[in-house]
Amino acid sequence: MNRFHSRSFPFQHEEEDVALMEEVQTSDMNDLVVYNDDVNTFEHVIQVLMSVCGHSPEQAEQCTLLIHYKGKCTVKMGSLNELKPMRQGICDKGISAEIL
């Protein structure tokens, strides 16, 4: 019986280490959120998401629909350094965006 417990004990630590690493990695992640407005057209928002965030046409369209109907949408997740230029590019095109 002792042998069984000693063999399972290291596996328990490995699982805890993996969970801790995942928690640390996700805490470094931020959301780039785009907000709805009454000014920009669907086509404009779709084009901006494709050019600035690298979205496919389908992904950009889905995000644009969520922005329109929900008022906002997380269009990208990443590090602050990765998202800052994207936020600036979106805002430069007249679309409201924040990094949260």
Foldseek 3Di string as FASTA:
>chain_A
DVVVVVVVVVVVVVVVVVVVVVVVVVVQKKFKKWFDDPPDDLVLQLVLCCVLVVDDSVLSNVQSVCRVPVGMDRSDMDGPVVCVVSCVSCVVSVTDIDID
